[in-house]
Protein backbone atom coordinates (compact mmCIF):
# COMPACT_ATOMS: atom_id res chain seq x y z
CA MET A 1 -1.15 -33.28 35.91
CA ILE A 2 1.03 -35.80 34.04
CA GLY A 3 -1.54 -38.52 34.63
CA THR A 4 -4.23 -36.40 33.02
CA LEU A 5 -1.99 -35.73 30.02
CA ILE A 6 -1.28 -39.44 29.55
CA ASP A 7 -4.97 -40.28 29.91
CA ASN A 8 -5.88 -37.66 27.31
CA VAL A 9 -3.28 -39.00 24.86
CA VAL A 10 -4.61 -42.54 25.28
CA ARG A 11 -8.18 -41.33 24.86
CA MET A 12 -7.20 -39.33 21.76
CA GLY A 13 -5.80 -42.50 20.20
CA GLU A 14 -9.03 -44.34 20.90
CA LEU A 15 -11.08 -41.50 19.39
CA PHE A 16 -8.93 -41.38 16.25
CA ALA A 17 -9.22 -45.16 15.88
CA GLY A 18 -13.00 -44.88 16.06
CA ILE A 19 -13.07 -42.07 13.52
CA ALA A 20 -10.66 -43.79 11.13
CA GLY A 21 -12.60 -47.04 11.34
CA ALA A 22 -15.91 -45.40 10.51
CA ASP A 23 -15.13 -44.62 6.88
CA PRO A 24 -12.28 -45.58 4.51
CA LEU A 25 -11.95 -41.98 3.34
CA SER A 26 -11.45 -40.85 6.94
CA ALA A 27 -8.64 -43.37 7.37
CA ILE A 28 -6.95 -42.12 4.20
CA LEU A 29 -7.28 -38.49 5.27
CA ILE A 30 -5.83 -39.23 8.72
CA ALA A 31 -2.93 -41.14 7.13
CA VAL A 32 -2.19 -38.32 4.68
CA GLY A 33 -2.34 -35.79 7.52
CA ASN A 34 0.12 -37.86 9.53
CA VAL A 35 2.52 -38.12 6.58
CA LEU A 36 2.38 -34.37 5.97
CA MET A 37 2.97 -33.64 9.65
CA LEU A 38 5.88 -36.08 9.78
CA ALA A 39 7.40 -34.49 6.68
CA ALA A 40 7.11 -30.98 8.15
CA VAL A 41 8.66 -32.06 11.45
CA GLY A 42 11.42 -33.90 9.59
CA VAL A 43 12.31 -30.88 7.47
CA LEU A 44 12.33 -28.62 10.52
CA GLY A 45 14.53 -31.08 12.40
CA TYR A 46 16.91 -31.36 9.45
CA LEU A 47 17.22 -27.57 9.18
CA THR A 48 17.70 -27.20 12.93
CA LEU A 49 20.37 -29.90 12.99
CA GLY A 50 22.14 -28.25 10.04
CA ALA A 51 22.10 -24.87 11.77
CA ALA A 52 23.46 -26.41 14.99
CA VAL A 53 26.27 -28.20 13.14
CA ASP A 54 27.11 -25.02 11.22
CA LEU A 55 27.25 -23.13 14.51
CA VAL A 56 29.84 -25.43 16.12
CA THR A 57 32.01 -26.21 13.09
CA PRO A 58 34.77 -23.81 12.08
CA GLY A 59 33.87 -21.97 8.90
CA ALA A 60 35.97 -20.79 6.01
């Protein structure tokens, strides 16, 4: 099960590399998508961390 997951992740990287290398616009779109996803995950992580810190710190 884990081996299949790792193989699929490796294969996905190879497929994305082939797609991104086919056309410069595809590479730009993949890069922009990655930046947007990273920003969304970062904001969610920041909000979650803030909520966790607020939960354990004494309030006024």
